[in-house]
Amino acid sequence: MTDSIRWGILGTGTIARKFAEGLRFAKGAELRAVGSRSMETAVQFADQYQVPNRHACYESLAADPEVDVVYIATPHPMHKNNSMLCLNAGKAVLCEKPFTVNREEAEALADCARETGCFLMEAMWTRFIPVICEVRRLLREGVLGQVRLIRGDFGFCGDYEEDKSAFLPELAGGALLDVGIYPLSLASMVFGAYPAKVLSAATFGKYGTDELNAVTLVYPDGGLALVSSAIRLETPQDAVITGDKGSIHIHAPFWCAEKITVSVGGSAPEVIEMPLYGNGYNYEAEAVMEAMREGRLESPVMPLDESIALVALMDEIRAQWKLRYPVENT
C-alpha cells in the first residue's frame, strides 16, 4: 500500500460533500472518483471538489481501477447493497452510519467483507475526533473509577420539507437511526457490553417515524445509560459520563466536541480544549487509511461486531415501538 490512498465517494448528497471537504485535510488521501445515479450530478460534484473520475452509476465507480477505498454516502436502506457492491469489486469500504437498517443486513455485510478479505468500517466519525480519543484515554487510566451513568442526547428541529428524508419511513427515517445512533454508540464505547435490559419510548410524527425518543440501557455491571434523540426538537446536545470518582462533561455538540470538563473528587474542574483540524471527518478517513496500510480488515476502534451489536440494539428498541420500515417487509 502506497502512502497515498485513492478514495471514491458513492453518492453526492450533503454527507458526501462533508466527507469530500474532510478529505482535503486527511494526510495521504486523494479523492479520485465520485459515483452518482446520473452523470449530471456526478459532474457537478466533481467540479466542486476537483475529482478527476466521474461515474454515472455506482457499478462504474466500484469497478474504477484507480480507487482503493469507497465512502458510502447513500440513504440508510442502500448501505448494505452499495457496500457489498464495492466489497465484491475488491474495494475497502467506509460505510456511513447507521451501518445498516437492521441486524440481518449488518451480519450479511460483515460476512461479505470477511469473505472478500476487504476492509470495512462504519463511519462513526465521533470515535476518532481528538476529544473522544482523550475521553477513552482517561477511561483507560481509571480517572473516573467505575463508570456508573451516561447521559447524552442529540436532537435538532428538522423541517418537514427541507429535511424530508430524515422523516420518511421508506428511507428508514426517524430520530433513532438518523441521530440516536450517536449517544447509543457513546454508551457502547464506554461500557463495552450489550445492555442486559432496554427500556424505551417514542413519539411519532406525520410520516409515522419516531420524532422523539428516550432510551434507558441497563448494563450487566449495573451501569445505566440515559439517551435520547429527536428530529423535531432542539436538545442540549451534550453528554456526561459519571463514575464513582468523578465525571467528564463532553460539551455540545458532543459528537464533534472540541472541549471536555473533567471533575474528579474535590479537585477543581479541568477544562481540556482540543480544537478540530479540518471539519472532523478527516480523522476517520485517516484511521481507515492507517488500518489499510497495516493490512487490517477492520478497525479496533469501531469493530464490525460492535456495529452489528448497535444495529441489533436499535432493532430491539424499534420492536418495543412496533416500528418497521418498508424495506424490511420485502
Protein backbone atom coordinates (compact mmCIF):
# COMPACT_ATOMS: atom_id res chain seq x y z
CA MET A 1 0.00 0.00 0.00
CA THR A 2 1.47 3.36 -1.04
CA ASP A 3 1.49 6.45 1.15
CA SER A 4 -1.26 7.98 -0.99
CA ILE A 5 -4.61 6.17 -0.83
CA ARG A 6 -7.19 6.85 -3.52
CA TRP A 7 -10.79 7.47 -2.46
CA GLY A 8 -14.07 7.21 -4.27
CA ILE A 9 -17.34 8.62 -2.94
CA LEU A 10 -20.57 6.80 -3.74
CA GLY A 11 -23.37 9.36 -3.57
CA THR A 12 -23.41 13.14 -3.92
CA GLY A 13 -25.69 14.39 -1.14
CA THR A 14 -24.98 16.53 1.91
CA ILE A 15 -22.96 13.94 3.82
CA ALA A 16 -20.89 13.15 0.71
CA ARG A 17 -20.00 16.82 0.45
CA LYS A 18 -18.99 17.00 4.10
CA PHE A 19 -16.76 13.98 3.68
CA ALA A 20 -15.21 15.36 0.50
CA GLU A 21 -14.38 18.54 2.38
CA GLY A 22 -12.87 16.49 5.21
CA LEU A 23 -10.64 14.54 2.81
CA ARG A 24 -8.90 17.78 1.93
CA PHE A 25 -7.41 17.73 5.44
CA ALA A 26 -6.66 13.98 5.60
CA LYS A 27 -2.96 13.31 5.15
CA GLY A 28 -2.27 10.84 2.36
CA ALA A 29 -5.81 10.94 0.95
CA GLU A 30 -6.54 11.52 -2.72
CA LEU A 31 -10.16 11.97 -3.79
CA ARG A 32 -10.03 10.21 -7.12
CA ALA A 33 -13.62 9.40 -8.13
CA VAL A 34 -17.29 10.03 -7.49
CA GLY A 35 -20.28 7.94 -8.46
CA SER A 36 -23.87 9.11 -8.83
CA ARG A 37 -27.07 7.91 -10.43
CA SER A 38 -26.62 10.45 -13.23
CA MET A 39 -23.66 11.98 -14.99
CA GLU A 40 -25.04 15.46 -14.40
CA THR A 41 -24.87 15.23 -10.60
CA ALA A 42 -21.53 13.39 -10.76
CA VAL A 43 -20.04 16.20 -12.84
CA GLN A 44 -21.46 18.91 -10.57
CA PHE A 45 -19.93 17.24 -7.52
CA ALA A 46 -16.65 16.51 -9.26
CA ASP A 47 -16.27 20.07 -10.49
CA GLN A 48 -16.83 21.43 -6.99
CA TYR A 49 -14.28 19.13 -5.35
CA GLN A 50 -11.82 18.73 -8.25
CA VAL A 51 -12.47 14.99 -8.70
CA PRO A 52 -10.98 13.61 -11.93
CA ASN A 53 -13.07 10.43 -12.39
CA ARG A 54 -16.84 10.91 -12.76
CA HIS A 55 -19.21 7.93 -12.91
CA ALA A 56 -22.88 7.95 -13.91
CA CYS A 57 -23.65 4.75 -11.98
CA TYR A 58 -22.46 3.08 -8.81
CA GLU A 59 -21.29 -0.05 -10.62
CA SER A 60 -18.86 2.02 -12.67
CA LEU A 61 -17.41 3.62 -9.55
CA ALA A 62 -16.97 0.23 -7.89
CA ALA A 63 -15.07 -1.02 -10.93
CA ASP A 64 -12.77 2.00 -11.15
CA PRO A 65 -9.18 0.64 -11.04
CA GLU A 66 -7.92 3.97 -9.68
CA VAL A 67 -9.94 3.66 -6.44
CA ASP A 68 -8.65 1.88 -3.31
CA VAL A 69 -11.46 2.67 -0.85
CA VAL A 70 -15.05 3.88 -1.22
CA TYR A 71 -17.07 6.03 1.15
CA ILE A 72 -20.77 5.07 1.04
CA ALA A 73 -22.89 8.20 1.33
CA THR A 74 -26.33 6.98 0.24
CA PRO A 75 -29.56 6.74 2.33
CA HIS A 76 -29.79 4.10 5.06
CA PRO A 77 -31.65 1.38 3.11
CA MET A 78 -28.96 1.42 0.41
CA HIS A 79 -25.97 0.95 2.71
CA LYS A 80 -25.83 -2.83 2.58
CA ASN A 81 -26.15 -3.28 -1.18
CA ASN A 82 -23.93 -0.33 -2.06
CA SER A 83 -21.23 -1.50 0.35
CA MET A 84 -21.40 -5.09 -0.90
CA LEU A 85 -21.13 -3.87 -4.50
CA CYS A 86 -17.81 -2.23 -3.65
CA LEU A 87 -16.53 -5.05 -1.44
CA ASN A 88 -17.21 -7.58 -4.18
CA ALA A 89 -15.23 -5.36 -6.54
CA GLY A 90 -12.25 -5.60 -4.19
CA LYS A 91 -12.57 -2.15 -2.64
CA ALA A 92 -12.18 -1.23 1.01
CA VAL A 93 -15.35 0.44 2.34
CA LEU A 94 -16.20 3.15 4.85
CA CYS A 95 -19.99 3.00 5.22
CA GLU A 96 -21.88 5.97 6.62
CA LYS A 97 -23.78 5.35 9.84
CA PRO A 98 -26.05 3.69 10.68
CA PHE A 99 -24.20 0.63 9.42
CA THR A 100 -27.40 -0.89 8.02
CA VAL A 101 -31.16 -0.81 8.66
CA ASN A 102 -31.26 -3.98 10.76
CA ARG A 103 -29.18 -6.80 12.20
CA GLU A 104 -29.81 -9.22 9.34
CA GLU A 105 -28.35 -6.71 6.89
CA ALA A 106 -25.44 -5.90 9.21
CA GLU A 107 -24.43 -9.54 9.56
CA ALA A 108 -24.66 -10.09 5.80
CA LEU A 109 -22.49 -7.04 5.17
CA ALA A 110 -19.85 -8.06 7.70
CA ASP A 111 -19.82 -11.58 6.26
CA CYS A 112 -19.26 -10.14 2.79
CA ALA A 113 -16.26 -8.13 3.99
CA ARG A 114 -14.74 -11.15 5.70
CA GLU A 115 -15.33 -13.39 2.68
CA THR A 116 -13.81 -10.92 0.23
CA GLY A 117 -10.93 -10.04 2.55
CA CYS A 118 -11.64 -6.31 2.22
CA PHE A 119 -11.55 -3.66 4.92
CA LEU A 120 -14.95 -2.44 6.18
CA MET A 121 -15.88 0.09 8.87
CA GLU A 122 -18.95 2.02 9.94
CA ALA A 123 -18.32 5.75 9.60
CA MET A 124 -18.84 6.70 13.24
CA TRP A 125 -16.63 9.76 12.93
CA THR A 126 -17.12 10.77 16.58
CA ARG A 127 -14.92 7.88 17.72
CA PHE A 128 -11.88 9.42 16.03
CA ILE A 129 -12.00 13.10 16.93
CA PRO A 130 -9.34 14.25 19.42
CA VAL A 131 -11.71 14.93 22.34
CA ILE A 132 -13.22 11.44 22.24
CA CYS A 133 -9.78 9.87 21.90
CA GLU A 134 -8.86 11.78 25.07
CA VAL A 135 -12.01 10.51 26.79
CA ARG A 136 -11.00 6.93 26.01
CA ARG A 137 -7.52 7.59 27.40
CA LEU A 138 -8.94 8.97 30.64
CA LEU A 139 -11.28 5.99 30.99
CA ARG A 140 -8.43 3.53 30.38
CA GLU A 141 -6.43 5.22 33.12
CA GLY A 142 -9.35 4.86 35.52
CA VAL A 143 -9.70 8.57 36.21
CA LEU A 144 -13.45 8.21 36.84
CA GLY A 145 -13.23 4.92 38.71
CA GLN A 146 -16.12 2.63 37.83
CA VAL A 147 -18.42 4.30 35.33
CA ARG A 148 -21.99 4.11 36.59
CA LEU A 149 -24.00 6.53 34.46
CA ILE A 150 -24.00 8.08 30.99
CA ARG A 151 -26.39 10.75 29.82
CA GLY A 152 -26.40 12.00 26.24
CA ASP A 153 -28.75 13.45 23.66
CA PHE A 154 -28.84 14.52 20.03
CA GLY A 155 -31.88 16.47 19.00
CA PHE A 156 -32.47 19.05 16.29
CA CYS A 157 -35.58 20.73 14.95
CA GLY A 158 -35.85 19.47 11.39
CA ASP A 159 -38.11 20.90 8.73
CA TYR A 160 -40.63 18.59 7.08
CA GLU A 161 -39.71 19.90 3.63
CA GLU A 162 -36.01 20.81 3.86
CA ASP A 163 -35.10 17.69 5.89
CA LYS A 164 -37.82 15.43 4.47
CA SER A 165 -35.58 12.38 4.02
CA ALA A 166 -34.97 12.28 7.78
CA PHE A 167 -38.68 11.60 8.33
CA LEU A 168 -39.61 9.18 5.54
CA PRO A 169 -40.18 5.51 6.50
CA GLU A 170 -39.10 4.31 3.05
CA LEU A 171 -35.67 5.81 3.78
CA ALA A 172 -35.61 4.30 7.30
CA GLY A 173 -36.13 7.78 8.67
CA GLY A 174 -36.77 8.87 12.22
CA ALA A 175 -34.61 10.11 15.06
CA LEU A 176 -33.24 6.75 16.21
CA LEU A 177 -31.30 5.71 13.10
CA ASP A 178 -30.52 9.25 11.97
CA VAL A 179 -29.06 10.73 15.18
CA GLY A 180 -29.90 8.37 18.05
CA ILE A 181 -27.03 6.16 16.92
CA TYR A 182 -24.60 8.78 18.30
CA PRO A 183 -25.47 8.57 22.03
CA LEU A 184 -26.03 4.82 21.71
CA SER A 185 -22.56 4.43 20.21
CA LEU A 186 -21.08 6.55 23.01
CA ALA A 187 -22.66 4.29 25.62
CA SER A 188 -21.38 1.21 23.78
CA MET A 189 -17.87 2.67 23.62
CA VAL A 190 -17.82 3.43 27.34
CA PHE A 191 -19.49 0.31 28.75
CA GLY A 192 -18.12 -2.10 26.16
CA ALA A 193 -21.02 -4.51 26.51
CA TYR A 194 -24.52 -5.19 25.23
CA PRO A 195 -27.17 -3.96 27.71
CA ALA A 196 -28.91 -6.52 29.87
CA LYS A 197 -32.16 -4.56 29.74
CA VAL A 198 -33.59 -1.99 27.35
CA LEU A 199 -36.49 0.35 28.15
CA SER A 200 -37.67 2.90 25.61
CA ALA A 201 -40.49 5.14 24.45
CA ALA A 202 -41.09 7.27 21.38
CA THR A 203 -43.50 9.75 19.86
CA PHE A 204 -44.35 9.56 16.16
CA GLY A 205 -44.99 12.27 13.60
CA LYS A 206 -46.92 12.83 10.39
CA TYR A 207 -44.85 10.29 8.42
CA GLY A 208 -45.12 7.54 11.02
CA THR A 209 -41.48 7.56 12.14
CA ASP A 210 -40.11 8.45 15.56
CA GLU A 211 -39.57 12.18 16.02
CA LEU A 212 -38.59 11.97 19.68
CA ASN A 213 -37.39 9.05 21.74
CA ALA A 214 -35.87 8.24 25.10
CA VAL A 215 -33.96 5.06 25.94
CA THR A 216 -32.69 3.63 29.21
CA LEU A 217 -30.00 0.97 28.95
CA VAL A 218 -29.15 -1.21 31.93
CA TYR A 219 -25.76 -2.90 31.67
CA PRO A 220 -24.69 -6.22 33.24
CA ASP A 221 -22.44 -4.50 35.80
CA GLY A 222 -25.24 -2.18 36.94
CA GLY A 223 -24.27 0.80 34.80
CA LEU A 224 -27.00 2.92 33.25
CA ALA A 225 -27.21 4.97 30.09
CA LEU A 226 -29.97 7.54 29.61
CA VAL A 227 -30.04 8.66 25.98
CA SER A 228 -32.47 10.48 23.76
CA SER A 229 -32.74 11.75 20.21
CA ALA A 230 -35.09 13.97 18.26
CA ILE A 231 -35.62 15.41 14.81
CA ARG A 232 -38.33 17.93 15.73
CA LEU A 233 -36.84 19.24 18.98
CA GLU A 234 -33.64 21.09 19.79
CA THR A 235 -31.94 19.45 22.79
CA PRO A 236 -28.79 20.37 24.80
CA GLN A 237 -26.69 18.04 22.59
CA ASP A 238 -24.10 17.32 25.26
CA ALA A 239 -23.08 14.19 27.17
CA VAL A 240 -21.88 13.39 30.68
CA ILE A 241 -20.02 10.26 31.79
CA THR A 242 -20.12 9.74 35.57
CA GLY A 243 -18.11 7.29 37.64
CA ASP A 244 -17.67 6.76 41.37
CA LYS A 245 -14.62 9.08 41.36
CA GLY A 246 -15.81 11.86 39.08
CA SER A 247 -17.29 12.86 35.76
CA ILE A 248 -16.48 14.01 32.24
CA HIS A 249 -18.74 16.55 30.59
CA ILE A 250 -18.47 16.41 26.79
CA HIS A 251 -19.57 19.84 25.66
CA ALA A 252 -22.12 20.38 22.92
CA PRO A 253 -22.30 19.23 20.25
CA PHE A 254 -20.83 16.12 21.84
CA TRP A 255 -20.49 14.16 18.57
CA CYS A 256 -17.97 16.70 17.27
CA ALA A 257 -16.92 18.33 20.53
CA GLU A 258 -13.81 20.41 20.98
CA LYS A 259 -13.95 20.68 24.77
CA ILE A 260 -14.47 18.49 27.82
CA THR A 261 -14.61 19.32 31.54
CA VAL A 262 -13.15 16.70 33.88
CA SER A 263 -14.28 16.82 37.52
CA VAL A 264 -12.59 14.36 39.90
CA GLY A 265 -13.04 14.21 43.67
CA GLY A 266 -12.70 17.54 45.40
CA SER A 267 -10.35 18.99 42.79
CA ALA A 268 -11.28 22.00 40.68
CA PRO A 269 -12.78 21.03 37.32
CA GLU A 270 -10.24 20.83 34.49
CA VAL A 271 -11.26 22.12 31.09
CA ILE A 272 -9.49 20.42 28.18
CA GLU A 273 -9.82 22.03 24.76
CA MET A 274 -8.86 20.13 21.62
CA PRO A 275 -9.93 22.05 18.50
CA LEU A 276 -10.78 20.09 15.39
CA TYR A 277 -8.46 20.16 12.43
CA GLY A 278 -10.50 20.32 9.27
CA ASN A 279 -14.20 19.57 9.66
CA GLY A 280 -13.67 16.39 11.71
CA TYR A 281 -14.43 13.82 9.02
CA ASN A 282 -10.74 13.74 8.18
CA TYR A 283 -9.93 11.82 11.38
CA GLU A 284 -12.00 8.75 10.45
CA ALA A 285 -10.54 8.84 6.93
CA GLU A 286 -7.03 8.84 8.37
CA ALA A 287 -7.95 5.94 10.68
CA VAL A 288 -9.21 3.93 7.69
CA MET A 289 -6.02 4.59 5.74
CA GLU A 290 -3.84 3.68 8.72
CA ALA A 291 -5.69 0.38 9.08
CA MET A 292 -5.35 -0.32 5.35
CA ARG A 293 -1.61 0.33 5.43
CA GLU A 294 -1.30 -2.05 8.38
CA GLY A 295 -3.21 -4.74 6.49
CA ARG A 296 -6.16 -4.74 8.89
CA LEU A 297 -9.61 -5.80 7.73
CA GLU A 298 -11.47 -3.83 10.40
CA SER A 299 -10.91 -1.06 12.91
CA PRO A 300 -10.03 -1.78 16.55
CA VAL A 301 -11.82 1.47 17.46
CA MET A 302 -15.05 0.73 15.53
CA PRO A 303 -15.03 -3.07 15.01
CA LEU A 304 -17.63 -4.85 12.91
CA ASP A 305 -19.09 -6.87 15.77
CA GLU A 306 -19.81 -3.66 17.66
CA SER A 307 -21.51 -2.14 14.62
CA ILE A 308 -23.67 -5.27 14.37
CA ALA A 309 -24.50 -5.06 18.08
CA LEU A 310 -25.54 -1.42 17.76
CA VAL A 311 -27.87 -2.21 14.86
CA ALA A 312 -29.28 -5.14 16.87
CA LEU A 313 -29.87 -2.77 19.80
CA MET A 314 -31.80 -0.39 17.55
CA ASP A 315 -33.81 -3.38 16.30
CA GLU A 316 -34.72 -4.18 19.91
CA ILE A 317 -35.70 -0.59 20.58
CA ARG A 318 -37.84 -0.38 17.43
CA ALA A 319 -39.50 -3.68 18.29
CA GLN A 320 -40.72 -2.09 21.53
CA TRP A 321 -42.35 0.63 19.42
CA LYS A 322 -43.60 -1.81 16.78
CA LEU A 323 -41.81 0.26 14.14
CA ARG A 324 -40.76 -1.49 10.94
CA TYR A 325 -39.55 0.12 7.73
CA PRO A 326 -41.00 -0.79 4.31
CA VAL A 327 -37.63 -2.21 3.21
CA GLU A 328 -37.97 -4.84 5.96
CA ASN A 329 -41.24 -6.12 4.53
CA THR A 330 -39.85 -7.04 1.11
